[in-house]
PDB file of N, CA and C in Angstrom:
ATOM      1  N   UNK A   1      93.434  63.124 -96.067  1.00  0.00           N
ATOM      2  CA  UNK A   1      93.171  61.763 -95.402  1.00  0.00           C
ATOM      3  C   UNK A   1      93.142  60.925 -96.541  1.00  0.00           C
ATOM      4  N   UNK A   2      93.461  59.403 -96.265  1.00  0.00           N
ATOM      5  CA  UNK A   2      93.258  58.463 -97.527  1.00  0.00           C
ATOM      6  C   UNK A   2      91.716  58.280 -98.061  1.00  0.00           C
ATOM      7  N   UNK A   3      91.407  58.418 -99.173  1.00  0.00           N
ATOM      8  CA  UNK A   3      89.810  58.176 -99.774  1.00  0.00           C
ATOM      9  C   UNK A   3      89.353  56.826 -99.345  1.00  0.00           C
ATOM     10  N   UNK A   4      90.011  55.656 -99.332  1.00  0.00           N
ATOM     11  CA  UNK A   4      89.295  54.461 -98.831  1.00  0.00           C
ATOM     12  C   UNK A   4      88.973  54.873 -97.280  1.00  0.00           C
ATOM     13  N   UNK A   5      89.824  55.021 -96.329  1.00  0.00           N
ATOM     14  CA  UNK A   5      89.153  55.513 -95.084  1.00  0.00           C
ATOM     15  C   UNK A   5      88.167  56.460 -94.762  1.00  0.00           C
ATOM     16  N   UNK A   6      88.047  57.493 -95.586  1.00  0.00           N
ATOM     17  CA  UNK A   6      87.278  58.238 -95.616  1.00  0.00           C
ATOM     18  C   UNK A   6      85.830  57.818 -95.963  1.00  0.00           C
ATOM     19  N   UNK A   7      85.631  57.216 -96.960  1.00  0.00           N
ATOM     20  CA  UNK A   7      84.558  56.082 -97.409  1.00  0.00           C
ATOM     21  C   UNK A   7      84.129  54.876 -96.798  1.00  0.00           C
ATOM     22  N   UNK A   8      85.353  54.254 -95.890  1.00  0.00           N
ATOM     23  CA  UNK A   8      84.898  53.632 -94.823  1.00  0.00           C
ATOM     24  C   UNK A   8      83.942  54.210 -93.428  1.00  0.00           C
ATOM     25  N   UNK A   9      84.614  55.504 -93.304  1.00  0.00           N
ATOM     26  CA  UNK A   9      84.224  56.335 -92.139  1.00  0.00           C
ATOM     27  C   UNK A   9      82.553  56.505 -92.517  1.00  0.00           C
ATOM     28  N   UNK A  10      82.444  56.956 -93.848  1.00  0.00           N
ATOM     29  CA  UNK A  10      80.894  57.446 -94.426  1.00  0.00           C
ATOM     30  C   UNK A  10      80.166  56.260 -94.229  1.00  0.00           C
ATOM     31  N   UNK A  11      80.676  54.653 -94.573  1.00  0.00           N
ATOM     32  CA  UNK A  11      79.445  54.139 -94.604  1.00  0.00           C
ATOM     33  C   UNK A  11      79.549  53.400 -93.357  1.00  0.00           C
ATOM     34  N   UNK A  12      80.445  53.390 -92.183  1.00  0.00           N
ATOM     35  CA  UNK A  12      80.094  53.237 -91.081  1.00  0.00           C
ATOM     36  C   UNK A  12      79.004  54.256 -90.238  1.00  0.00           C
ATOM     37  N   UNK A  13      79.270  55.300 -90.595  1.00  0.00           N
ATOM     38  CA  UNK A  13      78.209  56.313 -89.979  1.00  0.00           C
ATOM     39  C   UNK A  13      76.893  56.203 -90.725  1.00  0.00           C
ATOM     40  N   UNK A  14      76.815  55.870 -91.901  1.00  0.00           N
ATOM     41  CA  UNK A  14      75.493  55.415 -92.825  1.00  0.00           C
ATOM     42  C   UNK A  14      74.609  54.365 -91.724  1.00  0.00           C
ATOM     43  N   UNK A  15      75.708  52.917 -91.901  1.00  0.00           N
ATOM     44  CA  UNK A  15      75.291  51.949 -91.288  1.00  0.00           C
ATOM     45  C   UNK A  15      74.465  52.201 -89.770  1.00  0.00           C
ATOM     46  N   UNK A  16      74.985  53.067 -89.094  1.00  0.00           N
ATOM     47  CA  UNK A  16      74.893  53.502 -87.446  1.00  0.00           C
ATOM     48  C   UNK A  16      73.568  54.541 -87.819  1.00  0.00           C
ATOM     49  N   UNK A  17      73.295  54.870 -88.872  1.00  0.00           N
ATOM     50  CA  UNK A  17      72.212  55.861 -89.199  1.00  0.00           C
ATOM     51  C   UNK A  17      71.088  55.335 -89.008  1.00  0.00           C
ATOM     52  N   UNK A  18      71.149  54.185 -90.192  1.00  0.00           N
ATOM     53  CA  UNK A  18      70.042  53.007 -90.439  1.00  0.00           C
ATOM     54  C   UNK A  18      69.587  52.538 -89.620  1.00  0.00           C
ATOM     55  N   UNK A  19      70.842  51.742 -88.749  1.00  0.00           N
ATOM     56  CA  UNK A  19      70.387  50.614 -87.736  1.00  0.00           C
ATOM     57  C   UNK A  19      69.684  51.569 -86.634  1.00  0.00           C
ATOM     58  N   UNK A  20      70.112  52.543 -86.435  1.00  0.00           N
ATOM     59  CA  UNK A  20      69.358  53.277 -85.556  1.00  0.00           C
ATOM     60  C   UNK A  20      67.517  53.441 -85.396  1.00  0.00           C
ATOM     61  N   UNK A  21      67.496  53.790 -86.570  1.00  0.00           N
ATOM     62  CA  UNK A  21      66.215  54.172 -87.362  1.00  0.00           C
ATOM     63  C   UNK A  21      65.330  52.833 -87.113  1.00  0.00           C
ATOM     64  N   UNK A  22      66.230  52.042 -87.883  1.00  0.00           N
ATOM     65  CA  UNK A  22      65.448  50.344 -87.686  1.00  0.00           C
ATOM     66  C   UNK A  22      65.146  50.025 -86.073  1.00  0.00           C
ATOM     67  N   UNK A  23      65.924  50.217 -85.620  1.00  0.00           N
ATOM     68  CA  UNK A  23      65.924  49.980 -83.928  1.00  0.00           C
ATOM     69  C   UNK A  23      64.716  50.341 -83.424  1.00  0.00           C
ATOM     70  N   UNK A  24      64.574  51.956 -83.823  1.00  0.00           N
ATOM     71  CA  UNK A  24      63.360  52.768 -83.193  1.00  0.00           C
ATOM     72  C   UNK A  24      62.375  52.144 -84.019  1.00  0.00           C
ATOM     73  N   UNK A  25      61.960  51.613 -85.168  1.00  0.00           N
ATOM     74  CA  UNK A  25      60.867  51.410 -85.654  1.00  0.00           C
ATOM     75  C   UNK A  25      60.367  50.018 -85.487  1.00  0.00           C
ATOM     76  N   UNK A  26      61.557  49.284 -85.359  1.00  0.00           N
ATOM     77  CA  UNK A  26      60.949  47.830 -84.924  1.00  0.00           C
ATOM     78  C   UNK A  26      61.491  47.141 -83.786  1.00  0.00           C
ATOM     79  N   UNK A  27      62.578  47.946 -82.747  1.00  0.00           N
ATOM     80  CA  UNK A  27      63.132  47.024 -81.849  1.00  0.00           C
ATOM     81  C   UNK A  27      64.230  46.359 -82.345  1.00  0.00           C
ATOM     82  N   UNK A  28      65.113  46.320 -81.029  1.00  0.00           N
ATOM     83  CA  UNK A  28      66.537  46.055 -81.063  1.00  0.00           C
ATOM     84  C   UNK A  28      66.388  44.811 -81.500  1.00  0.00           C
ATOM     85  N   UNK A  29      65.568  43.993 -80.856  1.00  0.00           N
ATOM     86  CA  UNK A  29      65.813  42.392 -81.221  1.00  0.00           C
ATOM     87  C   UNK A  29      65.189  41.821 -82.210  1.00  0.00           C
ATOM     88  N   UNK A  30      64.224  42.704 -82.879  1.00  0.00           N
ATOM     89  CA  UNK A  30      63.576  42.495 -84.087  1.00  0.00           C
ATOM     90  C   UNK A  30      64.260  42.761 -85.561  1.00  0.00           C
ATOM     91  N   UNK A  31      65.523  43.394 -85.152  1.00  0.00           N
ATOM     92  CA  UNK A  31      66.140  43.887 -86.256  1.00  0.00           C
ATOM     93  C   UNK A  31      67.207  43.423 -86.363  1.00  0.00           C
ATOM     94  N   UNK A  32      67.530  42.625 -87.719  1.00  0.00           N
ATOM     95  CA  UNK A  32      68.751  41.650 -87.779  1.00  0.00           C
ATOM     96  C   UNK A  32      69.771  42.208 -88.568  1.00  0.00           C
ATOM     97  N   UNK A  33      70.783  41.786 -88.771  1.00  0.00           N
ATOM     98  CA  UNK A  33      72.070  42.549 -89.655  1.00  0.00           C
ATOM     99  C   UNK A  33      71.741  42.724 -90.933  1.00  0.00           C
ATOM    100  N   UNK A  34      70.868  41.796 -91.547  1.00  0.00           N
ATOM    101  CA  UNK A  34      70.904  41.489 -93.068  1.00  0.00           C
ATOM    102  C   UNK A  34      69.696  42.578 -93.397  1.00  0.00           C
ATOM    103  N   UNK A  35      68.908  42.730 -92.130  1.00  0.00           N
ATOM    104  CA  UNK A  35      67.631  44.074 -92.812  1.00  0.00           C
ATOM    105  C   UNK A  35      68.536  45.269 -92.591  1.00  0.00           C
ATOM    106  N   UNK A  36      69.458  45.248 -91.652  1.00  0.00           N
ATOM    107  CA  UNK A  36      70.390  46.975 -91.607  1.00  0.00           C
ATOM    108  C   UNK A  36      71.102  47.094 -93.068  1.00  0.00           C
ATOM    109  N   UNK A  37      71.462  45.748 -93.358  1.00  0.00           N
ATOM    110  CA  UNK A  37      72.493  46.038 -94.613  1.00  0.00           C
ATOM    111  C   UNK A  37      71.354  46.103 -95.742  1.00  0.00           C
ATOM    112  N   UNK A  38      70.345  45.791 -95.976  1.00  0.00           N
ATOM    113  CA  UNK A  38      69.589  45.799 -96.961  1.00  0.00           C
ATOM    114  C   UNK A  38      68.815  47.136 -96.798  1.00  0.00           C
ATOM    115  N   UNK A  39      68.701  47.156 -95.850  1.00  0.00           N
ATOM    116  CA  UNK A  39      67.902  49.064 -95.930  1.00  0.00           C
ATOM    117  C   UNK A  39      69.219  50.124 -96.190  1.00  0.00           C
ATOM    118  N   UNK A  40      70.338  49.849 -95.960  1.00  0.00           N
ATOM    119  CA  UNK A  40      71.304  50.683 -96.253  1.00  0.00           C
ATOM    120  C   UNK A  40      72.029  50.635 -97.645  1.00  0.00           C
ATOM    121  N   UNK A  41      71.290  49.711 -98.135  1.00  0.00           N
ATOM    122  CA  UNK A  41      71.972  49.236 -99.462  1.00  0.00           C
ATOM    123  C   UNK A  41      73.395  48.951 -99.629  1.00  0.00           C
ATOM    124  N   UNK A  42      73.783  48.172 -98.742  1.00  0.00           N
ATOM    125  CA  UNK A  42      75.266  47.779 -98.510  1.00  0.00           C
ATOM    126  C   UNK A  42      75.447  46.426 -98.725  1.00  0.00           C
ATOM    127  N   UNK A  43      76.403  46.121 -99.198  1.00  0.00           N
ATOM    128  CA  UNK A  43      76.928  44.281 -99.204  1.00  0.00           C
ATOM    129  C   UNK A  43      77.617  43.952 -97.885  1.00  0.00           C
ATOM    130  N   UNK A  44      77.005  42.861 -97.509  1.00  0.00           N
ATOM    131  CA  UNK A  44      77.333  41.949 -96.299  1.00  0.00           C
ATOM    132  C   UNK A  44      79.188  41.599 -96.505  1.00  0.00           C
ATOM    133  N   UNK A  45      79.295  41.558 -97.982  1.00  0.00           N
ATOM    134  CA  UNK A  45      80.736  40.769 -98.057  1.00  0.00           C
ATOM    135  C   UNK A  45      81.922  41.983 -98.119  1.00  0.00           C
TER     136      UNK A  45
END
């Protein structure tokens, strides 16, 4: 499979895992996209 696709899939899975943890810790309404990106060490651009 294409390395770019593999890397994108890995990033998505990491973001979901980080977001799930933050939702559990802080609640869905109190978790921003920016907080997820920061915690996952991922750029929003």
